[in-house]
Amino acid sequence: MFLIDLFFPKFCLCCGYVGVYLCLSCQNKLKPIEQDVCLYCKKPSLFGLTHPGCQKKLNVDGLLILYYYSPILKKIIKNIKYRLAVQVWQEFYRIIKPEAIEKLGFYKKLSSDFIIQPIPLTKNKYNERGFNQAKIISLFFQKFIKFPIVDLLVRKKEILAQAQIKNKKERYLNIKGAFAINSNGRDVIDHVSTNIILIDDVVTSGSTVKEAARVLKKAGTKKVYVLALAKG
């Protein structure tokens, strides 16, 4: 840790303040989500559970998002460098707001047959970055909800960044067919009564997590909840 601090000294990823990755002033600008909503109709819903009238066989069962994608959080997510990614999230773990921790209590009460599935990257994208940010965020969430992290999905194709596509139908077509169950996932689903918590960094329209949930449920998983750090 000393060598990391020596060669890559800490500074606030948002304002540049020396000594920490997120200074107190910037911490106070994080905006927790105050009202959870159903992913499909966008109306208020306790713990973000999908309303019975919105639920279909292959739909997401619920969505919890901790923070708004404020300029502060946007900088945190976009400015994390590979060599420092784990250290940054360890610090974020220590300053997460009590309101956000309270939300995670819903997942702590779920049955023990849940597993955490980070949204995967393609092999090329992983090699380019050197890490999967959703996996690191999964390790962050795991400290609170205690379920094992298991990779069931593989990402089959490169897509345009969903944030660059404004049209809802085009977002759907862009992500359709992007995921498949890997060989390990097939074994897990066949032999274990599996429920999933999908983890992503930012959820905007929800197209990505909806497609991942569709593939997981079609393969035989029962429940699929989504947990994300930020709402785009």
Protein backbone atom coordinates (compact mmCIF):
# COMPACT_ATOMS: atom_id res chain seq x y z
CA MET A 1 0.00 0.00 0.00
CA PHE A 2 2.93 2.35 0.76
CA LEU A 3 4.32 1.90 -2.76
CA ILE A 4 0.91 2.57 -4.31
CA ASP A 5 0.61 5.77 -2.26
CA LEU A 6 4.16 6.73 -3.23
CA PHE A 7 3.81 6.28 -6.99
CA PHE A 8 0.07 6.97 -7.26
CA PRO A 9 -0.72 9.44 -4.44
CA LYS A 10 -4.34 9.72 -3.40
CA PHE A 11 -6.37 12.65 -4.61
CA CYS A 12 -10.11 13.23 -4.75
CA LEU A 13 -11.41 11.90 -8.06
CA CYS A 14 -13.89 14.76 -8.18
CA CYS A 15 -12.10 17.93 -7.07
CA GLY A 16 -8.43 16.94 -6.78
CA TYR A 17 -8.11 17.37 -2.99
CA VAL A 18 -4.96 15.52 -1.89
CA GLY A 19 -5.03 12.57 0.52
CA VAL A 20 -8.29 10.77 -0.25
CA TYR A 21 -10.15 9.41 -3.29
CA LEU A 22 -13.36 11.15 -2.23
CA CYS A 23 -13.13 14.17 0.05
CA LEU A 24 -15.75 15.04 2.65
CA SER A 25 -17.11 17.93 0.60
CA CYS A 26 -17.70 15.68 -2.42
CA GLN A 27 -19.07 12.86 -0.25
CA ASN A 28 -21.79 15.23 0.93
CA LYS A 29 -22.82 15.87 -2.67
CA LEU A 30 -23.76 12.23 -3.30
CA LYS A 31 -27.54 12.04 -3.74
CA PRO A 32 -29.25 8.84 -2.52
CA ILE A 33 -32.37 7.69 -4.38
CA GLU A 34 -35.28 8.61 -2.12
CA GLN A 35 -38.13 6.84 -3.94
CA ASP A 36 -37.72 3.40 -5.49
CA VAL A 37 -39.82 2.69 -8.58
CA CYS A 38 -40.95 -0.27 -10.67
CA LEU A 39 -38.53 -0.75 -13.57
CA TYR A 40 -41.37 -1.13 -16.09
CA CYS A 41 -44.00 1.51 -15.26
CA LYS A 42 -41.67 3.87 -13.33
CA LYS A 43 -44.27 4.30 -10.58
CA PRO A 44 -43.32 4.17 -6.87
CA SER A 45 -42.74 0.68 -5.52
CA LEU A 46 -41.53 -0.58 -2.14
CA PHE A 47 -37.91 -1.76 -2.55
CA GLY A 48 -38.30 -1.29 -6.32
CA LEU A 49 -40.28 -4.52 -6.67
CA THR A 50 -41.90 -5.03 -10.07
CA HIS A 51 -45.65 -4.44 -9.78
CA PRO A 52 -47.82 -7.56 -10.26
CA GLY A 53 -49.48 -5.92 -13.26
CA CYS A 54 -46.07 -5.27 -14.86
CA GLN A 55 -44.64 -8.72 -14.16
CA LYS A 56 -44.14 -11.22 -16.95
CA LYS A 57 -42.39 -14.57 -16.96
CA LEU A 58 -38.99 -13.31 -18.12
CA ASN A 59 -39.05 -9.89 -16.45
CA VAL A 60 -36.81 -8.48 -13.74
CA ASP A 61 -38.46 -9.01 -10.34
CA GLY A 62 -37.14 -5.86 -8.71
CA LEU A 63 -34.65 -3.02 -9.04
CA LEU A 64 -32.79 -1.18 -6.28
CA ILE A 65 -30.52 1.76 -7.11
CA LEU A 66 -28.55 3.54 -4.41
CA TYR A 67 -27.63 6.93 -5.88
CA TYR A 68 -28.51 9.37 -8.63
CA TYR A 69 -25.88 9.57 -11.36
CA SER A 70 -24.80 13.01 -10.17
CA PRO A 71 -21.71 14.77 -11.58
CA ILE A 72 -19.79 13.59 -8.50
CA LEU A 73 -20.65 9.91 -8.90
CA LYS A 74 -20.16 10.14 -12.66
CA LYS A 75 -16.59 11.29 -12.08
CA ILE A 76 -15.97 8.52 -9.56
CA ILE A 77 -17.16 5.83 -11.97
CA LYS A 78 -15.46 7.25 -15.06
CA ASN A 79 -12.13 8.24 -13.50
CA ILE A 80 -11.28 5.00 -11.75
CA LYS A 81 -8.04 3.59 -13.14
CA TYR A 82 -7.38 -0.13 -13.23
CA ARG A 83 -4.40 -0.07 -10.90
CA LEU A 84 -6.42 1.78 -8.25
CA ALA A 85 -9.91 0.38 -8.77
CA VAL A 86 -9.97 -1.92 -5.74
CA GLN A 87 -8.52 0.74 -3.41
CA VAL A 88 -11.08 3.30 -4.56
CA TRP A 89 -14.02 0.99 -3.88
CA GLN A 90 -12.60 0.03 -0.50
CA GLU A 91 -12.68 3.70 0.41
CA PHE A 92 -16.18 4.12 -1.02
CA TYR A 93 -17.31 1.22 1.17
CA ARG A 94 -16.27 3.17 4.25
CA ILE A 95 -18.23 6.30 3.36
CA ILE A 96 -21.44 4.84 1.94
CA LYS A 97 -24.39 6.73 3.38
CA PRO A 98 -26.69 5.12 6.02
CA GLU A 99 -29.75 5.57 3.77
CA ALA A 100 -28.10 3.39 1.13
CA ILE A 101 -27.14 0.71 3.66
CA GLU A 102 -30.75 0.56 4.89
CA LYS A 103 -31.93 -0.26 1.38
CA LEU A 104 -29.57 -3.21 1.19
CA GLY A 105 -31.35 -4.69 4.19
CA PHE A 106 -34.02 -5.98 1.80
CA TYR A 107 -31.49 -8.24 0.10
CA LYS A 108 -30.07 -9.47 3.40
CA LYS A 109 -33.48 -10.99 4.15
CA LEU A 110 -33.65 -13.03 0.95
CA SER A 111 -33.27 -16.81 1.05
CA SER A 112 -29.79 -18.32 1.04
CA ASP A 113 -30.02 -19.72 -2.50
CA PHE A 114 -29.35 -16.30 -4.07
CA ILE A 115 -26.13 -15.61 -5.92
CA ILE A 116 -24.61 -12.38 -7.23
CA GLN A 117 -24.05 -12.08 -11.00
CA PRO A 118 -22.09 -9.05 -12.27
CA ILE A 119 -23.07 -7.85 -15.74
CA PRO A 120 -20.21 -9.28 -17.85
CA LEU A 121 -18.00 -7.61 -20.43
CA THR A 122 -16.95 -9.11 -23.75
CA LYS A 123 -13.52 -10.74 -23.73
CA ASN A 124 -12.08 -7.92 -25.84
CA LYS A 125 -13.47 -5.21 -23.58
CA TYR A 126 -12.19 -7.03 -20.50
CA ASN A 127 -8.71 -7.33 -22.01
CA GLU A 128 -8.79 -3.66 -22.95
CA ARG A 129 -9.73 -2.50 -19.43
CA GLY A 130 -8.05 -5.24 -17.45
CA PHE A 131 -11.04 -5.56 -15.14
CA ASN A 132 -14.83 -5.68 -15.03
CA GLN A 133 -16.12 -2.72 -13.06
CA ALA A 134 -19.41 -4.51 -12.32
CA LYS A 135 -17.37 -7.31 -10.71
CA ILE A 136 -15.55 -4.84 -8.46
CA ILE A 137 -18.85 -3.20 -7.52
CA SER A 138 -20.22 -6.70 -6.80
CA LEU A 139 -17.40 -7.23 -4.29
CA PHE A 140 -18.37 -3.89 -2.74
CA PHE A 141 -22.05 -4.91 -2.43
CA GLN A 142 -21.10 -8.39 -1.21
CA LYS A 143 -19.72 -6.86 1.99
CA PHE A 144 -23.31 -5.94 2.86
CA ILE A 145 -25.47 -8.71 1.41
CA LYS A 146 -23.10 -11.69 1.87
CA PHE A 147 -24.20 -13.81 -1.12
CA PRO A 148 -21.57 -15.62 -3.26
CA ILE A 149 -20.48 -14.16 -6.59
CA VAL A 150 -20.83 -16.66 -9.44
CA ASP A 151 -20.40 -16.00 -13.15
CA LEU A 152 -23.25 -17.63 -15.07
CA LEU A 153 -23.33 -15.27 -18.03
CA VAL A 154 -20.99 -14.53 -20.90
CA ARG A 155 -21.22 -11.48 -23.14
CA LYS A 156 -21.20 -12.63 -26.74
CA LYS A 157 -20.95 -9.45 -28.75
CA GLU A 158 -19.70 -5.89 -28.68
CA ILE A 159 -22.45 -3.28 -28.72
CA LEU A 160 -22.70 0.47 -28.96
CA ALA A 161 -22.69 2.15 -25.56
CA GLN A 162 -26.34 2.18 -24.47
CA ALA A 163 -25.95 5.74 -23.17
CA GLN A 164 -25.28 6.89 -26.74
CA ILE A 165 -28.62 5.55 -27.99
CA LYS A 166 -31.66 7.66 -27.16
CA ASN A 167 -34.37 5.63 -28.90
CA LYS A 168 -35.88 2.93 -26.66
CA LYS A 169 -36.41 0.42 -29.49
CA GLU A 170 -32.87 0.92 -30.78
CA ARG A 171 -31.51 0.31 -27.28
CA TYR A 172 -33.41 -2.98 -27.16
CA LEU A 173 -32.14 -4.07 -30.58
CA ASN A 174 -28.60 -3.05 -29.67
CA ILE A 175 -28.48 -5.26 -26.57
CA LYS A 176 -30.64 -8.17 -27.83
CA GLY A 177 -28.62 -11.39 -28.05
CA ALA A 178 -25.65 -9.91 -26.19
CA PHE A 179 -25.69 -12.50 -23.37
CA ALA A 180 -25.61 -16.28 -23.09
CA ILE A 181 -25.26 -18.82 -20.29
CA ASN A 182 -21.71 -20.14 -19.94
CA SER A 183 -20.87 -23.80 -19.27
CA ASN A 184 -20.46 -23.21 -15.54
CA GLY A 185 -23.78 -21.40 -15.45
CA ARG A 186 -25.53 -24.28 -17.12
CA ASP A 187 -24.27 -26.68 -14.42
CA VAL A 188 -25.23 -24.32 -11.58
CA ILE A 189 -28.74 -23.70 -12.90
CA ASP A 190 -29.32 -27.41 -13.59
CA HIS A 191 -28.29 -28.55 -10.10
CA VAL A 192 -29.17 -25.67 -7.78
CA SER A 193 -32.38 -23.78 -7.15
CA THR A 194 -30.90 -20.49 -8.27
CA ASN A 195 -32.07 -16.94 -7.72
CA ILE A 196 -30.00 -14.04 -8.99
CA ILE A 197 -29.00 -10.54 -7.95
CA LEU A 198 -27.68 -8.82 -11.09
CA ILE A 199 -25.13 -6.08 -10.43
CA ASP A 200 -24.37 -3.15 -12.72
CA ASP A 201 -22.76 0.23 -12.17
CA VAL A 202 -25.36 2.45 -13.86
CA VAL A 203 -28.94 1.65 -14.94
CA THR A 204 -30.59 4.13 -17.30
CA SER A 205 -33.38 2.63 -19.42
CA GLY A 206 -32.76 -0.84 -18.00
CA SER A 207 -32.30 -2.47 -21.43
CA THR A 208 -29.08 -4.23 -20.42
CA VAL A 209 -30.37 -5.74 -17.19
CA LYS A 210 -33.69 -6.67 -18.80
CA GLU A 211 -31.88 -8.65 -21.50
CA ALA A 212 -29.60 -10.34 -18.97
CA ALA A 213 -32.63 -11.27 -16.84
CA ARG A 214 -34.44 -12.65 -19.89
CA VAL A 215 -31.52 -14.96 -20.68
CA LEU A 216 -31.16 -16.09 -17.05
CA LYS A 217 -34.86 -16.83 -16.61
CA LYS A 218 -35.12 -18.59 -19.93
CA ALA A 219 -32.30 -20.86 -18.71
CA GLY A 220 -34.27 -21.75 -15.58
CA THR A 221 -33.44 -19.28 -12.83
CA LYS A 222 -36.42 -18.31 -10.66
CA LYS A 223 -36.04 -14.75 -9.42
CA VAL A 224 -33.81 -12.01 -10.83
CA TYR A 225 -33.36 -8.79 -8.89
CA VAL A 226 -31.14 -5.91 -10.02
CA LEU A 227 -28.90 -3.88 -7.75
CA ALA A 228 -27.09 -0.86 -9.20
CA LEU A 229 -24.91 1.88 -7.85
CA ALA A 230 -26.38 4.73 -9.89
CA LYS A 231 -29.48 5.75 -11.83
CA GLY A 232 -28.59 7.27 -15.20
